[in-house]
N, C-alpha and C. Protein backbone atom coordinates (compact mmCIF):
# COMPACT_ATOMS: atom_id res chain seq x y z
N UNK A 1 73.08 77.37 -18.20
CA UNK A 1 73.02 76.73 -19.49
C UNK A 1 71.62 76.19 -19.77
N UNK A 2 70.96 75.67 -18.73
CA UNK A 2 69.63 75.10 -18.92
C UNK A 2 68.59 76.16 -19.28
N UNK A 3 68.81 77.40 -18.86
CA UNK A 3 67.82 78.44 -19.14
C UNK A 3 67.79 78.81 -20.62
N UNK A 4 68.81 78.45 -21.38
CA UNK A 4 68.84 78.72 -22.81
C UNK A 4 68.29 77.57 -23.64
N UNK A 5 67.99 76.46 -23.02
CA UNK A 5 67.55 75.28 -23.75
C UNK A 5 66.20 75.49 -24.43
N UNK A 6 65.22 76.02 -23.72
CA UNK A 6 63.89 76.22 -24.31
C UNK A 6 63.92 77.24 -25.45
N UNK A 7 64.54 78.42 -25.27
CA UNK A 7 64.60 79.36 -26.40
C UNK A 7 65.35 78.77 -27.61
N UNK A 8 66.38 77.96 -27.35
CA UNK A 8 67.13 77.34 -28.44
C UNK A 8 66.26 76.35 -29.19
N UNK A 9 65.48 75.54 -28.47
CA UNK A 9 64.59 74.59 -29.13
C UNK A 9 63.52 75.30 -29.95
N UNK A 10 62.97 76.38 -29.42
CA UNK A 10 61.97 77.15 -30.15
C UNK A 10 62.57 77.78 -31.41
N UNK A 11 63.77 78.28 -31.28
CA UNK A 11 64.46 78.86 -32.44
C UNK A 11 64.71 77.81 -33.51
N UNK A 12 65.12 76.64 -33.11
CA UNK A 12 65.35 75.56 -34.08
C UNK A 12 64.06 75.16 -34.78
N UNK A 13 62.95 75.14 -34.05
CA UNK A 13 61.66 74.79 -34.64
C UNK A 13 61.24 75.84 -35.66
N UNK A 14 61.48 77.11 -35.36
CA UNK A 14 61.12 78.19 -36.28
C UNK A 14 61.98 78.12 -37.54
N UNK A 15 63.27 77.93 -37.37
CA UNK A 15 64.19 77.89 -38.51
C UNK A 15 63.89 76.70 -39.41
N UNK A 16 63.55 75.56 -38.85
CA UNK A 16 63.29 74.38 -39.66
C UNK A 16 62.02 74.54 -40.49
N UNK A 17 61.15 75.45 -40.12
CA UNK A 17 59.93 75.69 -40.89
C UNK A 17 60.15 76.61 -42.07
N UNK A 18 61.36 77.09 -42.29
CA UNK A 18 61.65 78.04 -43.36
C UNK A 18 62.17 77.37 -44.63
N UNK A 19 62.02 76.09 -44.75
CA UNK A 19 62.52 75.41 -45.94
C UNK A 19 61.65 75.74 -47.13
N UNK A 20 62.28 75.82 -48.30
CA UNK A 20 61.52 76.09 -49.51
C UNK A 20 60.85 74.82 -50.00
N UNK A 21 59.69 74.97 -50.57
CA UNK A 21 58.96 73.81 -51.07
C UNK A 21 58.75 73.89 -52.58
N UNK A 22 59.37 74.88 -53.23
CA UNK A 22 59.21 74.99 -54.67
C UNK A 22 60.04 73.93 -55.37
N UNK A 23 59.53 73.48 -56.50
CA UNK A 23 60.25 72.47 -57.28
C UNK A 23 61.44 73.12 -57.96
N UNK A 24 62.60 72.50 -57.82
CA UNK A 24 63.79 73.06 -58.42
C UNK A 24 63.98 72.52 -59.83
N UNK A 25 64.59 73.32 -60.65
CA UNK A 25 64.82 72.98 -62.04
C UNK A 25 66.23 72.42 -62.19
N UNK A 26 66.41 71.46 -63.08
CA UNK A 26 67.74 70.88 -63.31
C UNK A 26 68.70 71.92 -63.86
N UNK A 27 68.17 72.98 -64.45
CA UNK A 27 69.01 74.02 -65.05
C UNK A 27 69.46 75.09 -64.06
N UNK A 28 68.94 75.05 -62.84
CA UNK A 28 69.32 76.05 -61.85
C UNK A 28 70.82 76.00 -61.59
N UNK A 29 71.46 77.14 -61.69
CA UNK A 29 72.89 77.22 -61.44
C UNK A 29 73.76 76.96 -62.66
N UNK A 30 73.14 76.65 -63.78
CA UNK A 30 73.90 76.40 -65.00
C UNK A 30 73.68 77.53 -66.00
N UNK A 31 74.71 77.86 -66.73
CA UNK A 31 74.58 78.75 -67.87
C UNK A 31 75.60 78.28 -68.92
N UNK A 32 75.29 78.57 -70.16
CA UNK A 32 76.15 78.14 -71.26
C UNK A 32 77.47 78.88 -71.19
N UNK A 33 78.56 78.16 -71.40
CA UNK A 33 79.89 78.75 -71.42
C UNK A 33 80.20 79.17 -72.86
N UNK A 34 80.48 80.47 -73.05
CA UNK A 34 80.71 80.99 -74.40
C UNK A 34 82.00 81.80 -74.44
N UNK A 35 83.15 81.13 -74.48
CA UNK A 35 84.41 81.88 -74.58
C UNK A 35 84.55 82.50 -75.96
N UNK A 36 85.34 83.55 -76.03
CA UNK A 36 85.59 84.20 -77.32
C UNK A 36 86.39 83.24 -78.22
N UNK A 37 86.46 83.58 -79.50
CA UNK A 37 87.19 82.74 -80.45
C UNK A 37 88.67 82.63 -80.06
N UNK A 38 89.26 83.74 -79.65
CA UNK A 38 90.67 83.73 -79.27
C UNK A 38 90.90 82.84 -78.04
N UNK A 39 90.00 82.94 -77.08
CA UNK A 39 90.11 82.12 -75.87
C UNK A 39 89.93 80.64 -76.22
N UNK A 40 88.98 80.34 -77.08
CA UNK A 40 88.74 78.95 -77.48
C UNK A 40 89.97 78.35 -78.15
N UNK A 41 90.57 79.10 -79.05
CA UNK A 41 91.77 78.61 -79.75
C UNK A 41 92.91 78.39 -78.76
N UNK A 42 93.10 79.34 -77.85
CA UNK A 42 94.16 79.21 -76.85
C UNK A 42 93.94 77.98 -75.97
N UNK A 43 92.70 77.79 -75.50
CA UNK A 43 92.42 76.65 -74.63
C UNK A 43 92.60 75.34 -75.39
N UNK A 44 92.16 75.29 -76.64
CA UNK A 44 92.33 74.07 -77.43
C UNK A 44 93.80 73.71 -77.60
N UNK A 45 94.65 74.72 -77.74
CA UNK A 45 96.09 74.48 -77.93
C UNK A 45 96.79 74.10 -76.63
N UNK A 46 96.35 74.68 -75.51
CA UNK A 46 97.11 74.53 -74.27
C UNK A 46 96.49 73.60 -73.24
N UNK A 47 95.17 73.42 -73.28
CA UNK A 47 94.51 72.63 -72.23
C UNK A 47 93.31 71.88 -72.81
N UNK A 48 93.60 70.84 -73.57
CA UNK A 48 92.54 70.08 -74.25
C UNK A 48 91.54 69.45 -73.27
N UNK A 49 91.97 68.90 -72.11
CA UNK A 49 90.98 68.34 -71.18
C UNK A 49 89.96 69.38 -70.71
N UNK A 50 90.41 70.62 -70.48
CA UNK A 50 89.47 71.66 -70.07
C UNK A 50 88.51 72.00 -71.21
N UNK A 51 89.01 72.05 -72.42
CA UNK A 51 88.14 72.31 -73.58
C UNK A 51 87.08 71.21 -73.69
N UNK A 52 87.45 69.98 -73.42
CA UNK A 52 86.48 68.88 -73.43
C UNK A 52 85.44 69.05 -72.33
N UNK A 53 85.85 69.54 -71.17
CA UNK A 53 84.91 69.77 -70.07
C UNK A 53 83.91 70.87 -70.43
N UNK A 54 84.38 71.92 -71.08
CA UNK A 54 83.48 72.99 -71.51
C UNK A 54 82.47 72.45 -72.52
N UNK A 55 82.95 71.66 -73.47
CA UNK A 55 82.06 71.08 -74.48
C UNK A 55 81.04 70.15 -73.82
N UNK A 56 81.49 69.36 -72.85
CA UNK A 56 80.59 68.45 -72.15
C UNK A 56 79.54 69.22 -71.36
N UNK A 57 79.95 70.29 -70.71
CA UNK A 57 79.03 71.14 -69.95
C UNK A 57 77.95 71.71 -70.87
N UNK A 58 78.37 72.24 -72.01
CA UNK A 58 77.41 72.83 -72.94
C UNK A 58 76.50 71.77 -73.55
N UNK A 59 77.03 70.58 -73.81
CA UNK A 59 76.19 69.49 -74.34
C UNK A 59 75.17 69.04 -73.31
N UNK A 60 75.57 68.98 -72.04
CA UNK A 60 74.63 68.60 -70.97
C UNK A 60 73.47 69.58 -70.90
N UNK A 61 73.78 70.87 -70.93
CA UNK A 61 72.73 71.87 -70.88
C UNK A 61 71.81 71.82 -72.08
N UNK A 62 72.36 71.50 -73.22
CA UNK A 62 71.55 71.41 -74.43
C UNK A 62 70.60 70.22 -74.36
N UNK A 63 71.10 69.07 -73.87
CA UNK A 63 70.23 67.88 -73.77
C UNK A 63 69.13 68.07 -72.73
N UNK A 64 69.39 68.88 -71.71
CA UNK A 64 68.38 69.15 -70.67
C UNK A 64 67.48 70.32 -71.05
N UNK A 65 67.70 70.87 -72.25
CA UNK A 65 66.91 72.00 -72.77
C UNK A 65 67.01 73.23 -71.87
N UNK A 66 68.23 73.45 -71.34
CA UNK A 66 68.47 74.65 -70.54
C UNK A 66 68.76 75.87 -71.43
N UNK A 67 69.32 75.61 -72.61
CA UNK A 67 69.60 76.67 -73.58
C UNK A 67 69.54 76.14 -74.97
């Protein structure tokens, strides 16, 4: 077990040096939700809390100038 300790430590040192240093954008991972008219009407009739979440998501992206 001890003979694997040094290679393991070296591997950990190499892997830890692979971190990205680029500045991330608040919009990364977000896209505007655009359901069709039929889907919007159905969701509004059957699941109002979800419709509010979609609207909130789209408003958040708009305020952050993502779209």
